Amino acid sequence: MASKPDSSWEPAPAQPVGSRGRSLSGRLLCLDRQELANRITDWDSLAAEACEPNPFMESWFLLPALRAFSVKRVKILCFEENSRLRGLMPIHSRYRYYRRPIPHHSNWLHENCFLGVPLVAKGYEVEFWQAVIAWADTHCGASLFFHLGMMTIDGPAYAALSGVLATEARRAELVMSEERALLESNLSPDAYWEASISIKKRKELRRQAARLGEEGELTFDRTNGVEDLARWTEHFLALEAAGWKGQSGSALAVSSATTALFRESLAGAAERGKLEKLTLSLDDKPIAMLANFLTPPGAFSFKTAFDESYSRFSPGVLLQRENLAILENQEIAWTDSCAAADHPMIGHIWRERRAVGHISIAIGGKFRRALFNRLVDAETARKPEGVPA
């Protein structure tokens, strides 16, 4: 959406208030991507200490996204203490709220970013949000409120934000929420499969796998690292582009920006040991592929594709059967599907759910907050269950 220049992007000191009684010398900085690129090591350390993992906010994903989309007005709010990063969130000033001309601040998201939770070090959640909200109050510009999209509403970051808002008696509204498929279980892969899929459906899938095997040699590979990454990436881009996403113009390969983001983010994840690549092949030709980001204690299914000429054999489902082996990874407690709510395939296999939502927060003085009250009252009255993005 279009944005206009905003002269309010300036560093702001954070209030030195400790949630555990400690004395802090923290401050909130507003950096651009070049400034933050000089702090990769510190950034990666923050990701390792985060109260809640989010690969889309890590250096190896966020920097390629900012480069790919040439976003100049995005700034990164960074909370630091003793020169160490303790919190990070990209934000921008927008002049449209969905389809309406309402200026506001927002965390920065894009079509290939599936979670908006900031990176915040454990134990610094309260200080981070206090600093961010204080900054928003004093750097409103034309913005009428602060909007946070794709937040996990049952996670520690959201809990800390809710506490800060309650303490300050500041109005905020969850204007939209949805649940997407999550894999979280102590069951073995085989036991989970049997619990999720009916006997009749399992029989049908075994028949399909057998029939697919009659077409040629059927093999499955799970790999990590960078050794075969370039070849795997090109196979994935071609496989996705050959299907409905290519026809609709939403495939990664359709745009040079999304192609670059995919290549660079996978390379960055692989270099850090955070990429898992799954491939179902027929006579060495990939017919279903999946890229997982491993960010303990969680994982994220970033992108998947399958050869639609083999749809009658359900290659995507057969690949997800193999993907259940992630339940045996002792470092991974759960996996976010990154899928739309009620996804027709993964929603029937993965039985757990993860709630994500969009929250709007009052900022500034009395007049601005009064106007926000009217706006959010109208929004929630018209759409009691939230306004779709």
Protein backbone atom coordinates (compact mmCIF):
# COMPACT_ATOMS: atom_id res chain seq x y z
CA MET A 1 0.00 0.00 0.00
CA ALA A 2 1.18 3.50 -0.68
CA SER A 3 2.99 5.40 2.05
CA LYS A 4 4.08 9.01 2.32
CA PRO A 5 7.20 10.49 3.88
CA ASP A 6 7.02 10.93 7.62
CA SER A 7 9.41 13.26 9.41
CA SER A 8 8.85 11.57 12.78
CA TRP A 9 11.40 8.74 12.35
CA GLU A 10 13.88 9.66 15.07
CA PRO A 11 15.66 7.75 17.83
CA ALA A 12 13.92 7.91 21.20
CA PRO A 13 15.19 6.97 24.66
CA ALA A 14 13.37 4.13 26.38
CA GLN A 15 12.12 4.38 29.90
CA PRO A 16 14.58 2.58 32.23
CA VAL A 17 11.95 0.49 33.98
CA GLY A 18 12.84 -3.08 34.89
CA SER A 19 10.18 -5.75 35.04
CA ARG A 20 12.25 -7.65 37.56
CA GLY A 21 13.39 -4.71 39.62
CA ARG A 22 16.71 -4.23 37.85
CA SER A 23 18.07 -0.86 36.80
CA LEU A 24 18.25 -0.52 33.03
CA SER A 25 20.16 1.83 30.77
CA GLY A 26 18.05 0.83 27.78
CA ARG A 27 17.10 2.93 24.80
CA LEU A 28 15.03 2.56 21.67
CA LEU A 29 16.75 3.21 18.35
CA CYS A 30 15.11 3.63 14.98
CA LEU A 31 17.51 2.18 12.41
CA ASP A 32 17.47 1.64 8.68
CA ARG A 33 18.50 -1.61 7.05
CA GLN A 34 22.07 -0.50 6.36
CA GLU A 35 22.63 0.42 9.98
CA LEU A 36 21.17 -2.85 11.18
CA ALA A 37 23.15 -4.87 8.62
CA ASN A 38 26.27 -3.86 10.55
CA ARG A 39 24.94 -5.70 13.61
CA ILE A 40 24.30 -9.17 12.18
CA THR A 41 26.13 -11.00 14.98
CA ASP A 42 24.19 -9.13 17.66
CA TRP A 43 20.97 -9.69 15.72
CA ASP A 44 21.56 -13.43 15.47
CA SER A 45 22.29 -13.55 19.21
CA LEU A 46 18.96 -11.83 19.87
CA ALA A 47 17.17 -14.45 17.76
CA ALA A 48 18.78 -17.21 19.84
CA GLU A 49 17.56 -15.55 23.06
CA ALA A 50 14.09 -14.59 21.85
CA CYS A 51 11.10 -15.34 24.05
CA GLU A 52 9.27 -16.47 20.92
CA PRO A 53 10.89 -17.58 17.66
CA ASN A 54 10.07 -15.83 14.41
CA PRO A 55 12.24 -16.64 11.38
CA PHE A 56 10.69 -13.80 9.39
CA MET A 57 12.26 -11.29 11.77
CA GLU A 58 15.72 -12.88 11.70
CA SER A 59 18.61 -11.30 9.81
CA TRP A 60 18.77 -13.95 7.10
CA PHE A 61 15.12 -13.37 6.15
CA LEU A 62 14.31 -9.75 7.00
CA LEU A 63 17.33 -8.17 5.27
CA PRO A 64 16.71 -10.05 1.99
CA ALA A 65 13.03 -9.03 2.20
CA LEU A 66 13.92 -5.38 2.64
CA ARG A 67 16.35 -5.57 -0.30
CA ALA A 68 13.97 -7.52 -2.51
CA PHE A 69 11.06 -5.14 -2.08
CA SER A 70 13.20 -1.96 -2.05
CA VAL A 71 11.25 -0.61 0.89
CA LYS A 72 12.76 2.72 1.88
CA ARG A 73 10.24 3.88 4.43
CA VAL A 74 10.55 0.83 6.68
CA LYS A 75 12.50 1.44 9.85
CA ILE A 76 13.51 -1.07 12.48
CA LEU A 77 12.75 -0.25 16.09
CA CYS A 78 15.58 -1.72 18.16
CA PHE A 79 15.59 -1.86 21.93
CA GLU A 80 19.08 -2.20 23.33
CA GLU A 81 20.71 -2.36 26.73
CA ASN A 82 24.43 -1.90 27.25
CA SER A 83 24.85 -1.83 23.46
CA ARG A 84 23.23 -5.27 23.05
CA LEU A 85 20.06 -5.81 21.04
CA ARG A 86 17.18 -6.94 23.25
CA GLY A 87 14.28 -6.35 20.89
CA LEU A 88 13.62 -5.71 17.21
CA MET A 89 10.59 -4.98 15.04
CA PRO A 90 10.28 -3.46 11.52
CA ILE A 91 7.63 -0.77 11.24
CA HIS A 92 6.35 1.74 8.72
CA SER A 93 3.85 4.53 8.41
CA ARG A 94 0.87 3.71 6.21
CA TYR A 95 -1.81 5.99 4.81
CA ARG A 96 -4.40 3.32 4.15
CA TYR A 97 -5.97 0.92 6.63
CA TYR A 98 -7.08 -1.96 4.44
CA ARG A 99 -9.27 -0.14 1.88
CA ARG A 100 -9.80 3.02 3.88
CA PRO A 101 -7.71 6.24 3.90
CA ILE A 102 -6.73 6.10 7.58
CA PRO A 103 -3.06 6.85 8.44
CA HIS A 104 -1.44 4.67 11.09
CA HIS A 105 1.80 3.08 12.22
CA SER A 106 2.12 -0.66 11.62
CA ASN A 107 4.58 -3.48 11.93
CA TRP A 108 5.91 -4.27 8.46
CA LEU A 109 4.58 -7.43 6.81
CA HIS A 110 4.53 -8.70 3.24
CA GLU A 111 2.92 -11.58 1.39
CA ASN A 112 5.71 -14.02 2.23
CA CYS A 113 5.95 -13.07 5.91
CA PHE A 114 3.67 -15.29 7.96
CA LEU A 115 4.22 -13.95 11.48
CA GLY A 116 4.54 -10.41 12.81
CA VAL A 117 5.78 -11.12 16.35
CA PRO A 118 8.91 -9.05 17.09
CA LEU A 119 12.14 -10.61 18.28
CA VAL A 120 12.38 -9.87 22.00
CA ALA A 121 14.93 -11.36 24.38
CA LYS A 122 13.52 -13.36 27.28
CA GLY A 123 13.05 -11.17 30.32
CA TYR A 124 12.86 -7.94 28.28
CA GLU A 125 9.32 -8.26 26.96
CA VAL A 126 7.82 -5.58 29.22
CA GLU A 127 10.66 -3.09 28.70
CA PHE A 128 10.48 -3.57 24.95
CA TRP A 129 6.77 -2.81 24.73
CA GLN A 130 7.02 0.11 27.15
CA ALA A 131 9.68 1.61 24.92
CA VAL A 132 7.79 0.96 21.68
CA ILE A 133 4.52 2.40 22.99
CA ALA A 134 6.31 5.45 24.41
CA TRP A 135 7.96 5.99 21.03
CA ALA A 136 4.62 5.70 19.24
CA ASP A 137 3.08 8.28 21.58
CA THR A 138 5.76 10.85 20.81
CA HIS A 139 6.24 10.07 17.11
CA CYS A 140 2.65 9.92 15.90
CA GLY A 141 3.07 12.12 12.85
CA ALA A 142 -0.19 11.77 10.94
CA SER A 143 -0.86 8.31 12.36
CA LEU A 144 -4.06 7.84 14.32
CA PHE A 145 -3.12 4.53 15.98
CA PHE A 146 -0.60 1.69 16.05
CA HIS A 147 -1.56 -1.56 14.32
CA LEU A 148 0.19 -4.89 14.92
CA GLY A 149 -0.56 -7.65 12.45
CA MET A 150 -0.12 -11.43 12.64
CA MET A 151 0.62 -11.62 16.35
CA THR A 152 0.37 -14.96 18.15
CA ILE A 153 -2.22 -14.13 20.77
CA ASP A 154 -1.28 -16.96 23.11
CA GLY A 155 2.45 -16.24 23.18
CA PRO A 156 4.72 -14.45 25.70
CA ALA A 157 5.22 -11.36 23.54
CA TYR A 158 1.47 -10.72 23.30
CA ALA A 159 1.01 -11.46 27.01
CA ALA A 160 3.61 -8.83 27.90
CA LEU A 161 2.02 -6.32 25.54
CA SER A 162 -1.39 -6.93 27.11
CA GLY A 163 0.09 -6.35 30.55
CA VAL A 164 1.67 -3.06 29.52
CA LEU A 165 -1.56 -1.85 27.92
CA ALA A 166 -3.57 -2.80 31.01
CA THR A 167 -1.13 -1.05 33.35
CA GLU A 168 -1.35 2.13 31.29
CA ALA A 169 -5.15 1.85 30.96
CA ARG A 170 -4.59 2.24 27.23
CA ARG A 171 -7.30 1.06 24.88
CA ALA A 172 -6.48 -1.67 22.39
CA GLU A 173 -8.71 -3.97 20.36
CA LEU A 174 -8.13 -7.34 18.77
CA VAL A 175 -9.81 -6.49 15.47
CA MET A 176 -9.25 -9.82 13.74
CA SER A 177 -8.16 -13.30 14.77
CA GLU A 178 -7.97 -16.71 13.14
CA GLU A 179 -6.58 -20.15 13.83
CA ARG A 180 -4.18 -21.99 11.57
CA ALA A 181 -2.92 -25.55 11.65
CA LEU A 182 -0.19 -26.38 14.15
CA LEU A 183 1.69 -29.62 14.76
CA GLU A 184 2.33 -30.15 18.47
CA SER A 185 2.22 -33.62 19.99
CA ASN A 186 4.12 -36.19 22.03
CA LEU A 187 2.87 -38.96 19.75
CA SER A 188 5.16 -40.78 17.36
CA PRO A 189 4.76 -39.96 13.65
CA ASP A 190 2.93 -43.25 13.03
CA ALA A 191 0.60 -42.79 16.02
CA TYR A 192 -0.15 -39.18 15.04
CA TRP A 193 -0.95 -40.23 11.47
CA GLU A 194 -3.33 -42.91 12.68
CA ALA A 195 -5.03 -40.50 15.09
CA SER A 196 -5.48 -37.84 12.41
CA ILE A 197 -6.41 -39.85 9.33
CA SER A 198 -9.33 -42.26 9.20
CA ILE A 199 -8.76 -45.94 8.42
CA LYS A 200 -10.55 -45.53 5.10
CA LYS A 201 -8.44 -42.52 4.11
CA ARG A 202 -5.19 -44.22 5.14
CA LYS A 203 -6.10 -47.19 2.98
CA GLU A 204 -6.79 -44.91 0.04
CA LEU A 205 -3.46 -43.11 0.50
CA ARG A 206 -1.59 -46.43 0.62
CA ARG A 207 -3.29 -47.39 -2.64
CA GLN A 208 -2.31 -44.05 -4.20
CA ALA A 209 1.29 -44.46 -3.08
CA ALA A 210 1.39 -47.95 -4.58
CA ARG A 211 -0.07 -46.71 -7.86
CA LEU A 212 2.41 -43.83 -7.91
CA GLY A 213 5.22 -46.32 -7.39
CA GLU A 214 4.07 -48.12 -10.53
CA GLU A 215 4.81 -44.94 -12.50
CA GLY A 216 8.51 -45.17 -11.67
CA GLU A 217 10.94 -45.29 -8.74
CA LEU A 218 9.49 -43.33 -5.84
CA THR A 219 12.05 -41.88 -3.39
CA PHE A 220 12.01 -39.46 -0.46
CA ASP A 221 14.86 -37.24 0.74
CA ARG A 222 15.25 -35.02 3.80
CA THR A 223 18.35 -32.83 3.67
CA ASN A 224 19.95 -29.93 5.53
CA GLY A 225 22.89 -27.70 4.76
CA VAL A 226 24.01 -25.85 1.66
CA GLU A 227 25.50 -28.66 -0.45
CA ASP A 228 22.56 -29.24 -2.82
CA LEU A 229 20.73 -26.02 -2.04
CA ALA A 230 21.11 -24.20 -5.38
CA ARG A 231 19.79 -27.17 -7.37
CA TRP A 232 16.99 -27.83 -4.86
CA THR A 233 15.93 -24.17 -4.95
CA GLU A 234 15.72 -24.08 -8.74
CA HIS A 235 13.71 -27.31 -8.78
CA PHE A 236 11.28 -25.82 -6.25
CA LEU A 237 10.83 -22.57 -8.16
CA ALA A 238 10.13 -24.47 -11.37
CA LEU A 239 7.74 -26.90 -9.69
CA GLU A 240 5.71 -24.14 -8.06
CA ALA A 241 5.60 -22.02 -11.23
CA ALA A 242 4.26 -24.97 -13.25
CA GLY A 243 1.14 -25.16 -11.10
CA TRP A 244 -1.83 -22.95 -10.29
CA LYS A 245 0.33 -20.36 -8.57
CA GLY A 246 2.21 -19.78 -11.81
CA GLN A 247 -1.05 -19.42 -13.70
CA SER A 248 -2.45 -16.97 -11.13
CA GLY A 249 0.76 -14.93 -10.99
CA SER A 250 1.47 -15.69 -7.33
CA ALA A 251 4.38 -18.11 -7.77
CA LEU A 252 7.73 -17.04 -6.35
CA ALA A 253 9.37 -17.28 -9.78
CA VAL A 254 6.91 -14.81 -11.33
CA SER A 255 8.63 -11.86 -9.64
CA SER A 256 12.36 -11.19 -9.48
CA ALA A 257 11.83 -9.78 -5.97
CA THR A 258 10.21 -12.92 -4.54
CA THR A 259 12.67 -15.14 -6.40
CA ALA A 260 15.56 -13.26 -4.81
CA LEU A 261 13.93 -13.42 -1.38
CA PHE A 262 13.43 -17.17 -1.66
CA ARG A 263 16.98 -17.87 -2.78
CA GLU A 264 18.62 -15.59 -0.23
CA SER A 265 16.49 -16.57 2.75
CA LEU A 266 16.98 -20.28 2.13
CA ALA A 267 20.72 -19.77 1.77
CA GLY A 268 20.87 -17.76 5.01
CA ALA A 269 18.82 -20.34 6.89
CA ALA A 270 20.94 -23.21 5.55
CA GLU A 271 24.18 -21.51 6.58
CA ARG A 272 22.88 -21.33 10.14
CA GLY A 273 21.55 -24.89 10.21
CA LYS A 274 17.93 -23.67 10.20
CA LEU A 275 16.70 -25.12 6.91
CA GLU A 276 15.16 -28.54 6.30
CA LYS A 277 14.38 -29.57 2.72
CA LEU A 278 11.96 -32.40 1.94
CA THR A 279 11.60 -33.91 -1.54
CA LEU A 280 9.38 -36.66 -2.94
CA SER A 281 10.75 -37.73 -6.33
CA LEU A 282 9.64 -40.00 -9.12
CA ASP A 283 12.56 -41.33 -11.18
CA ASP A 284 14.70 -38.56 -9.61
CA LYS A 285 12.23 -35.87 -10.72
CA PRO A 286 10.79 -33.85 -7.77
CA ILE A 287 7.01 -34.09 -7.63
CA ALA A 288 6.50 -32.64 -4.12
CA MET A 289 8.79 -30.35 -2.12
CA LEU A 290 8.73 -28.57 1.24
CA ALA A 291 11.00 -26.04 2.95
CA ASN A 292 10.90 -25.92 6.76
CA PHE A 293 12.58 -23.27 8.89
CA LEU A 294 13.91 -24.77 12.14
CA THR A 295 13.93 -22.20 14.94
CA PRO A 296 13.89 -24.12 18.24
CA PRO A 297 11.70 -24.63 20.12
CA GLY A 298 9.51 -24.17 17.05
CA ALA A 299 9.60 -24.74 13.30
CA PHE A 300 7.78 -23.14 10.37
CA SER A 301 6.63 -24.74 7.12
CA PHE A 302 7.61 -21.91 4.82
CA LYS A 303 6.80 -23.10 1.30
CA THR A 304 5.50 -26.26 -0.35
CA ALA A 305 4.76 -27.24 -3.94
CA PHE A 306 3.76 -30.35 -5.87
CA ASP A 307 3.42 -31.51 -9.46
CA GLU A 308 -0.26 -31.10 -10.30
CA SER A 309 -0.07 -33.65 -13.12
CA TYR A 310 0.16 -36.26 -10.34
CA SER A 311 -2.71 -34.85 -8.27
CA ARG A 312 -4.63 -38.12 -8.46
CA PHE A 313 -1.89 -39.69 -6.32
CA SER A 314 -1.96 -36.92 -3.63
CA PRO A 315 1.83 -36.28 -3.65
CA GLY A 316 1.47 -33.31 -1.30
CA VAL A 317 -0.27 -35.45 1.32
CA LEU A 318 2.30 -38.23 0.90
CA LEU A 319 5.04 -35.67 1.52
CA GLN A 320 3.27 -34.44 4.65
CA ARG A 321 3.17 -38.02 5.89
CA GLU A 322 6.97 -38.01 5.74
CA ASN A 323 7.08 -34.54 7.30
CA LEU A 324 5.58 -35.94 10.52
CA ALA A 325 9.08 -37.21 11.34
CA ILE A 326 9.70 -33.72 12.70
CA LEU A 327 7.85 -34.94 15.79
CA GLU A 328 10.98 -36.97 16.58
CA ASN A 329 13.22 -33.89 16.56
CA GLN A 330 14.00 -33.32 20.24
CA GLU A 331 14.68 -29.60 19.65
CA ILE A 332 11.32 -28.93 18.01
CA ALA A 333 8.23 -28.81 20.24
CA TRP A 334 5.82 -27.48 17.61
CA THR A 335 5.58 -26.59 13.91
CA ASP A 336 3.58 -23.69 12.51
CA SER A 337 1.98 -24.54 9.16
CA CYS A 338 2.04 -20.88 8.01
CA ALA A 339 -1.14 -21.89 6.18
CA ALA A 340 -4.41 -20.06 5.82
CA ALA A 341 -7.13 -20.85 8.33
CA ASP A 342 -9.15 -23.95 7.41
CA HIS A 343 -6.60 -25.03 4.81
CA PRO A 344 -8.21 -28.00 3.01
CA MET A 345 -5.12 -30.24 3.17
CA ILE A 346 -2.91 -29.50 6.17
CA GLY A 347 -5.88 -28.59 8.36
CA HIS A 348 -7.09 -32.18 8.13
CA ILE A 349 -3.71 -33.70 9.00
CA TRP A 350 -2.45 -31.40 11.75
CA ARG A 351 -5.01 -31.35 14.54
CA GLU A 352 -3.66 -28.56 16.77
CA ARG A 353 -4.29 -24.87 16.11
CA ARG A 354 -2.38 -21.63 16.58
CA ALA A 355 -4.27 -18.37 17.06
CA VAL A 356 -2.95 -15.28 15.31
CA GLY A 357 -4.54 -11.87 15.31
CA HIS A 358 -4.33 -8.19 14.48
CA ILE A 359 -4.44 -5.63 17.27
CA SER A 360 -4.95 -1.86 17.09
CA ILE A 361 -3.60 0.33 19.89
CA ALA A 362 -4.41 3.91 20.93
CA ILE A 363 -1.49 6.34 20.83
CA GLY A 364 -0.88 10.04 21.36
CA GLY A 365 -2.97 12.56 23.26
CA LYS A 366 -6.63 12.82 24.21
CA PHE A 367 -7.96 14.02 20.86
CA ARG A 368 -6.15 11.30 18.89
CA ARG A 369 -7.32 8.64 21.33
CA ALA A 370 -10.91 9.89 21.18
CA LEU A 371 -10.80 9.62 17.40
CA PHE A 372 -9.31 6.14 17.69
CA ASN A 373 -12.17 5.12 19.99
CA ARG A 374 -14.69 6.14 17.35
CA LEU A 375 -12.81 4.34 14.59
CA VAL A 376 -12.38 1.08 16.48
CA ASP A 377 -15.97 1.15 17.77
CA ALA A 378 -17.20 1.40 14.19
CA GLU A 379 -14.85 -1.35 13.08
CA THR A 380 -15.76 -3.86 15.75
CA ALA A 381 -19.48 -3.04 15.55
CA ARG A 382 -19.56 -3.73 11.83
CA LYS A 383 -17.43 -6.87 12.02
CA PRO A 384 -17.77 -8.35 15.54
CA GLU A 385 -15.36 -11.18 14.64
CA GLY A 386 -12.78 -8.85 13.12
CA VAL A 387 -11.95 -7.15 9.88
CA PRO A 388 -10.30 -9.44 7.34
CA ALA A 389 -6.89 -8.44 6.06
